[in-house]
Structure formats: C-alpha cells, structure tokens
Amino acid sequence: MKIESVRNRAEGGFIVNGTMVIPADPANRHFRTVRAWIAAGNIPAVAAPPLPPEPGDREVVIQALENRANISAAERAAARAAIINRRGSRS
C-alpha cells in the first residue's frame, strides 16, 4: 500500500489516501503500515468532528409538535408527507 495522505478518524483509526478506512486494530496489516508511516516521522491530518445524527421520525414529530403554533397548515402537511416518504424509502 502506497501512502500519500493519512487522516485520523474521530471514531478511531485512519483514512488513507482519502478513501481507505483503516480500523484501529493492531491485528490489521494496514493499521500496522500506517503506524510505521507515523513512526517514520510522518504526521496524519487532524480528524474532523463526526457529523451529528439526522433526527429520527420521533424527533421530527416532537419538534413539529413543539413548533405547531408557529407553522402553517401547509408546512404541517409538508412535514407529514416528508415523514411518510422517509418511511417508504426505508423499505
């Protein structure tokens, strides 16, 4: 494996050359290769913080209920349709 760039992952492990995810597992040969690359004086890029999870249906409904006095009937209908469409796309 030719290493051109390494980025730490916030979850642990590394991303090599922008595409290869290497878990933080000493038994993994690629992990050992990256560790040797670091030991040779190379410095991996800092990890970007993980993205927050998307709200689930429950959170969307709670948020809509909390804000229902501030949204129009059209916005409520659009939110309802979005929830139905998300459920349909999961099957």
C-alpha atoms as a PDB file:
ATOM      1  CA  MET A   1       0.000   0.000   0.000  1.00  0.00           C
ATOM      2  CA  LYS A   2       1.442   3.372  -1.045  1.00  0.00           C
ATOM      3  CA  ILE A   3       0.534   6.044   1.495  1.00  0.00           C
ATOM      4  CA  GLU A   4       0.113   9.559   0.115  1.00  0.00           C
ATOM      5  CA  SER A   5      -2.058  11.009   2.895  1.00  0.00           C
ATOM      6  CA  VAL A   6      -3.445   9.928   6.248  1.00  0.00           C
ATOM      7  CA  ARG A   7      -6.237  11.497   8.281  1.00  0.00           C
ATOM      8  CA  ASN A   8      -7.158  10.474  11.814  1.00  0.00           C
ATOM      9  CA  ARG A   9     -10.785   9.408  12.258  1.00  0.00           C
ATOM     10  CA  ALA A  10     -12.771  10.838  15.177  1.00  0.00           C
ATOM     11  CA  GLU A  11     -14.117   7.305  15.751  1.00  0.00           C
ATOM     12  CA  GLY A  12     -10.579   5.883  15.847  1.00  0.00           C
ATOM     13  CA  GLY A  13      -8.376   4.510  13.106  1.00  0.00           C
ATOM     14  CA  PHE A  14      -7.385   6.306   9.919  1.00  0.00           C
ATOM     15  CA  ILE A  15      -8.457   7.290   6.413  1.00  0.00           C
ATOM     16  CA  VAL A  16      -5.642   6.626   3.936  1.00  0.00           C
ATOM     17  CA  ASN A  17      -5.362   8.421   0.578  1.00  0.00           C
ATOM     18  CA  GLY A  18      -8.817   9.908   1.110  1.00  0.00           C
ATOM     19  CA  THR A  19     -10.731   6.667   0.538  1.00  0.00           C
ATOM     20  CA  MET A  20      -9.439   3.697   2.537  1.00  0.00           C
ATOM     21  CA  VAL A  21     -10.845   3.414   6.074  1.00  0.00           C
ATOM     22  CA  ILE A  22      -8.457   1.619   8.424  1.00  0.00           C
ATOM     23  CA  PRO A  23      -9.884   0.464  11.776  1.00  0.00           C
ATOM     24  CA  ALA A  24      -7.871   0.966  14.979  1.00  0.00           C
ATOM     25  CA  ASP A  25      -6.936  -2.706  15.198  1.00  0.00           C
ATOM     26  CA  PRO A  26      -3.302  -3.737  15.773  1.00  0.00           C
ATOM     27  CA  ALA A  27      -4.075  -7.073  14.061  1.00  0.00           C
ATOM     28  CA  ASN A  28      -4.939  -5.191  10.833  1.00  0.00           C
ATOM     29  CA  ARG A  29      -1.927  -5.116   8.487  1.00  0.00           C
ATOM     30  CA  HIS A  30      -2.913  -1.732   7.052  1.00  0.00           C
ATOM     31  CA  PHE A  31      -3.173  -0.271  10.562  1.00  0.00           C
ATOM     32  CA  ARG A  32       0.358  -1.509  11.258  1.00  0.00           C
ATOM     33  CA  THR A  33       1.553   0.028   7.968  1.00  0.00           C
ATOM     34  CA  VAL A  34       0.078   3.407   8.912  1.00  0.00           C
ATOM     35  CA  ARG A  35       1.643   3.196  12.378  1.00  0.00           C
ATOM     36  CA  ALA A  36       5.039   2.523  10.753  1.00  0.00           C
ATOM     37  CA  TRP A  37       4.441   5.520   8.428  1.00  0.00           C
ATOM     38  CA  ILE A  38       3.799   7.688  11.500  1.00  0.00           C
ATOM     39  CA  ALA A  39       6.840   6.242  13.315  1.00  0.00           C
ATOM     40  CA  ALA A  40       8.956   7.273  10.299  1.00  0.00           C
ATOM     41  CA  GLY A  41       8.130  10.913  11.113  1.00  0.00           C
ATOM     42  CA  ASN A  42       5.012  11.497   9.040  1.00  0.00           C
ATOM     43  CA  ILE A  43       2.105  13.336  10.623  1.00  0.00           C
ATOM     44  CA  PRO A  44      -1.541  12.446   9.925  1.00  0.00           C
ATOM     45  CA  ALA A  45      -4.098  15.219   9.447  1.00  0.00           C
ATOM     46  CA  VAL A  46      -6.384  16.041  12.339  1.00  0.00           C
ATOM     47  CA  ALA A  47      -9.746  14.293  12.412  1.00  0.00           C
ATOM     48  CA  ALA A  48     -12.828  16.255  11.539  1.00  0.00           C
ATOM     49  CA  PRO A  49     -15.541  16.015  14.197  1.00  0.00           C
ATOM     50  CA  PRO A  50     -18.252  13.484  13.344  1.00  0.00           C
ATOM     51  CA  LEU A  51     -21.477  14.834  11.908  1.00  0.00           C
ATOM     52  CA  PRO A  52     -24.465  14.871  14.269  1.00  0.00           C
ATOM     53  CA  PRO A  53     -27.004  12.150  13.517  1.00  0.00           C
ATOM     54  CA  GLU A  54     -30.056  13.049  11.470  1.00  0.00           C
ATOM     55  CA  PRO A  55     -33.174  13.315  13.591  1.00  0.00           C
ATOM     56  CA  GLY A  56     -35.379  10.252  13.501  1.00  0.00           C
ATOM     57  CA  ASP A  57     -39.130  10.259  12.982  1.00  0.00           C
ATOM     58  CA  ARG A  58     -39.730  10.656  16.717  1.00  0.00           C
ATOM     59  CA  GLU A  59     -37.548  13.775  16.919  1.00  0.00           C
ATOM     60  CA  VAL A  60     -39.197  15.247  13.818  1.00  0.00           C
ATOM     61  CA  VAL A  61     -42.652  14.736  15.319  1.00  0.00           C
ATOM     62  CA  ILE A  62     -41.617  16.186  18.697  1.00  0.00           C
ATOM     63  CA  GLN A  63     -40.096  19.219  17.001  1.00  0.00           C
ATOM     64  CA  ALA A  64     -43.222  19.686  14.886  1.00  0.00           C
ATOM     65  CA  LEU A  65     -45.450  19.445  17.969  1.00  0.00           C
ATOM     66  CA  GLU A  66     -43.312  21.933  19.858  1.00  0.00           C
ATOM     67  CA  ASN A  67     -43.484  24.341  16.925  1.00  0.00           C
ATOM     68  CA  ARG A  68     -47.053  23.638  15.768  1.00  0.00           C
ATOM     69  CA  ALA A  69     -48.325  27.033  16.862  1.00  0.00           C
ATOM     70  CA  ASN A  70     -45.688  28.627  14.646  1.00  0.00           C
ATOM     71  CA  ILE A  71     -46.248  26.647  11.430  1.00  0.00           C
ATOM     72  CA  SER A  72     -48.945  26.854   8.821  1.00  0.00           C
ATOM     73  CA  ALA A  73     -51.246  24.038   7.750  1.00  0.00           C
ATOM     74  CA  ALA A  74     -49.225  23.745   4.515  1.00  0.00           C
ATOM     75  CA  GLU A  75     -45.999  23.333   6.486  1.00  0.00           C
ATOM     76  CA  ARG A  76     -47.643  20.685   8.697  1.00  0.00           C
ATOM     77  CA  ALA A  77     -48.811  18.813   5.588  1.00  0.00           C
ATOM     78  CA  ALA A  78     -45.317  19.015   4.078  1.00  0.00           C
ATOM     79  CA  ALA A  79     -43.767  17.675   7.301  1.00  0.00           C
ATOM     80  CA  ARG A  80     -46.284  14.836   7.407  1.00  0.00           C
ATOM     81  CA  ALA A  81     -45.535  13.970   3.763  1.00  0.00           C
ATOM     82  CA  ALA A  82     -41.791  14.036   4.435  1.00  0.00           C
ATOM     83  CA  ILE A  83     -42.188  11.561   7.295  1.00  0.00           C
ATOM     84  CA  ILE A  84     -44.322   9.257   5.152  1.00  0.00           C
ATOM     85  CA  ASN A  85     -41.809   9.455   2.298  1.00  0.00           C
ATOM     86  CA  ARG A  86     -38.883   8.677   4.641  1.00  0.00           C
ATOM     87  CA  ARG A  87     -40.684   5.616   5.945  1.00  0.00           C
ATOM     88  CA  GLY A  88     -41.418   4.473   2.393  1.00  0.00           C
ATOM     89  CA  SER A  89     -37.772   4.896   1.326  1.00  0.00           C
ATOM     90  CA  ARG A  90     -36.553   2.598   4.118  1.00  0.00           C
ATOM     91  CA  SER A  91     -38.429  -0.455   2.911  1.00  0.00           C
END
